[in-house]
Amino acid sequence: MEYSLVGEGLKFMVLGMLIVFAFLIVLVQVMKLQAKLINKYFPEKAPEVPTTSNTNNATQEAHHVAAIIAAVTEFRKNQ
């Protein structure tokens, strides 16, 4: 009696594992198909080149540094 119950349990375990494995294989294939379809109909756009120049960025950074130095100096005067 026990042997048949253990055997049945093993059969169900193997059957369940095979079903899960088959489902995962199907899921992977569907995801690959979805990726191909998305890339075909909605291609990735090229990134836009920023129009600001380096001198503008350097000037802006210099203004930020000057503002920080002025704020620190003012803070130290008040102490």
C-alpha atoms as a PDB file:
ATOM      1  CA  MET A   1       0.000   0.000   0.000  1.00  0.00           C
ATOM      2  CA  GLU A   2       2.741   2.459   0.934  1.00  0.00           C
ATOM      3  CA  TYR A   3       4.775   1.612  -2.128  1.00  0.00           C
ATOM      4  CA  SER A   4       1.948   2.557  -4.465  1.00  0.00           C
ATOM      5  CA  LEU A   5       1.388   5.857  -2.630  1.00  0.00           C
ATOM      6  CA  VAL A   6       5.079   6.770  -2.870  1.00  0.00           C
ATOM      7  CA  GLY A   7       5.085   5.763  -6.537  1.00  0.00           C
ATOM      8  CA  GLU A   8       2.011   7.865  -7.236  1.00  0.00           C
ATOM      9  CA  GLY A   9       3.582  10.773  -5.404  1.00  0.00           C
ATOM     10  CA  LEU A  10       6.741  10.495  -7.505  1.00  0.00           C
ATOM     11  CA  LYS A  11       4.663  10.283 -10.693  1.00  0.00           C
ATOM     12  CA  PHE A  12       2.781  13.467  -9.788  1.00  0.00           C
ATOM     13  CA  MET A  13       6.000  15.227  -8.820  1.00  0.00           C
ATOM     14  CA  VAL A  14       7.659  14.386 -12.156  1.00  0.00           C
ATOM     15  CA  LEU A  15       4.500  15.296 -14.062  1.00  0.00           C
ATOM     16  CA  GLY A  16       4.266  18.640 -12.278  1.00  0.00           C
ATOM     17  CA  MET A  17       7.942  19.415 -12.898  1.00  0.00           C
ATOM     18  CA  LEU A  18       7.562  18.579 -16.601  1.00  0.00           C
ATOM     19  CA  ILE A  19       4.515  20.823 -16.899  1.00  0.00           C
ATOM     20  CA  VAL A  20       6.346  23.720 -15.235  1.00  0.00           C
ATOM     21  CA  PHE A  21       9.409  23.163 -17.431  1.00  0.00           C
ATOM     22  CA  ALA A  22       7.262  23.102 -20.587  1.00  0.00           C
ATOM     23  CA  PHE A  23       5.477  26.277 -19.496  1.00  0.00           C
ATOM     24  CA  LEU A  24       8.797  28.039 -18.930  1.00  0.00           C
ATOM     25  CA  ILE A  25      10.046  27.018 -22.380  1.00  0.00           C
ATOM     26  CA  VAL A  26       6.864  28.360 -23.971  1.00  0.00           C
ATOM     27  CA  LEU A  27       7.147  31.558 -21.916  1.00  0.00           C
ATOM     28  CA  VAL A  28      10.729  32.170 -23.079  1.00  0.00           C
ATOM     29  CA  GLN A  29       9.767  31.639 -26.724  1.00  0.00           C
ATOM     30  CA  VAL A  30       6.803  34.028 -26.428  1.00  0.00           C
ATOM     31  CA  MET A  31       9.032  36.671 -24.829  1.00  0.00           C
ATOM     32  CA  LYS A  32      11.578  36.325 -27.664  1.00  0.00           C
ATOM     33  CA  LEU A  33       8.794  36.702 -30.238  1.00  0.00           C
ATOM     34  CA  GLN A  34       7.455  39.743 -28.407  1.00  0.00           C
ATOM     35  CA  ALA A  35      10.917  41.349 -28.369  1.00  0.00           C
ATOM     36  CA  LYS A  36      11.289  40.804 -32.126  1.00  0.00           C
ATOM     37  CA  LEU A  37       7.868  42.295 -32.824  1.00  0.00           C
ATOM     38  CA  ILE A  38       8.493  45.322 -30.615  1.00  0.00           C
ATOM     39  CA  ASN A  39      11.886  45.974 -32.233  1.00  0.00           C
ATOM     40  CA  LYS A  40      10.343  45.641 -35.685  1.00  0.00           C
ATOM     41  CA  TYR A  41       7.371  47.968 -35.196  1.00  0.00           C
ATOM     42  CA  PHE A  42       8.798  50.312 -32.544  1.00  0.00           C
ATOM     43  CA  PRO A  43      12.523  50.707 -33.270  1.00  0.00           C
ATOM     44  CA  GLU A  44      14.701  52.484 -30.759  1.00  0.00           C
ATOM     45  CA  LYS A  45      15.319  56.106 -31.710  1.00  0.00           C
ATOM     46  CA  ALA A  46      18.845  57.492 -31.872  1.00  0.00           C
ATOM     47  CA  PRO A  47      19.716  59.731 -28.921  1.00  0.00           C
ATOM     48  CA  GLU A  48      19.579  63.440 -29.610  1.00  0.00           C
ATOM     49  CA  VAL A  49      22.826  65.377 -29.565  1.00  0.00           C
ATOM     50  CA  PRO A  50      22.768  68.185 -26.980  1.00  0.00           C
ATOM     51  CA  THR A  51      22.914  71.625 -28.552  1.00  0.00           C
ATOM     52  CA  THR A  52      24.692  73.414 -25.697  1.00  0.00           C
ATOM     53  CA  SER A  53      28.359  74.148 -26.156  1.00  0.00           C
ATOM     54  CA  ASN A  54      31.175  73.346 -23.724  1.00  0.00           C
ATOM     55  CA  THR A  55      31.955  77.010 -23.130  1.00  0.00           C
ATOM     56  CA  ASN A  56      28.396  77.609 -21.980  1.00  0.00           C
ATOM     57  CA  ASN A  57      28.650  74.677 -19.550  1.00  0.00           C
ATOM     58  CA  ALA A  58      32.025  75.900 -18.257  1.00  0.00           C
ATOM     59  CA  THR A  59      30.627  79.398 -17.736  1.00  0.00           C
ATOM     60  CA  GLN A  60      27.616  78.015 -15.904  1.00  0.00           C
ATOM     61  CA  GLU A  61      29.846  75.874 -13.698  1.00  0.00           C
ATOM     62  CA  ALA A  62      32.045  78.880 -12.901  1.00  0.00           C
ATOM     63  CA  HIS A  63      28.944  80.840 -11.838  1.00  0.00           C
ATOM     64  CA  HIS A  64      27.879  77.986  -9.564  1.00  0.00           C
ATOM     65  CA  VAL A  65      31.326  77.796  -7.974  1.00  0.00           C
ATOM     66  CA  ALA A  66      31.378  81.571  -7.444  1.00  0.00           C
ATOM     67  CA  ALA A  67      27.941  81.471  -5.814  1.00  0.00           C
ATOM     68  CA  ILE A  68      29.028  78.667  -3.473  1.00  0.00           C
ATOM     69  CA  ILE A  69      32.212  80.509  -2.488  1.00  0.00           C
ATOM     70  CA  ALA A  70      30.222  83.693  -1.820  1.00  0.00           C
ATOM     71  CA  ALA A  71      27.711  81.789   0.305  1.00  0.00           C
ATOM     72  CA  VAL A  72      30.451  80.121   2.372  1.00  0.00           C
ATOM     73  CA  THR A  73      32.265  83.440   2.856  1.00  0.00           C
ATOM     74  CA  GLU A  74      29.061  85.158   3.996  1.00  0.00           C
ATOM     75  CA  PHE A  75      28.318  82.300   6.365  1.00  0.00           C
ATOM     76  CA  ARG A  76      31.791  82.541   7.937  1.00  0.00           C
ATOM     77  CA  LYS A  77      31.429  86.327   8.413  1.00  0.00           C
ATOM     78  CA  ASN A  78      28.311  85.838  10.507  1.00  0.00           C
ATOM     79  CA  GLN A  79      29.971  83.445  12.938  1.00  0.00           C
END
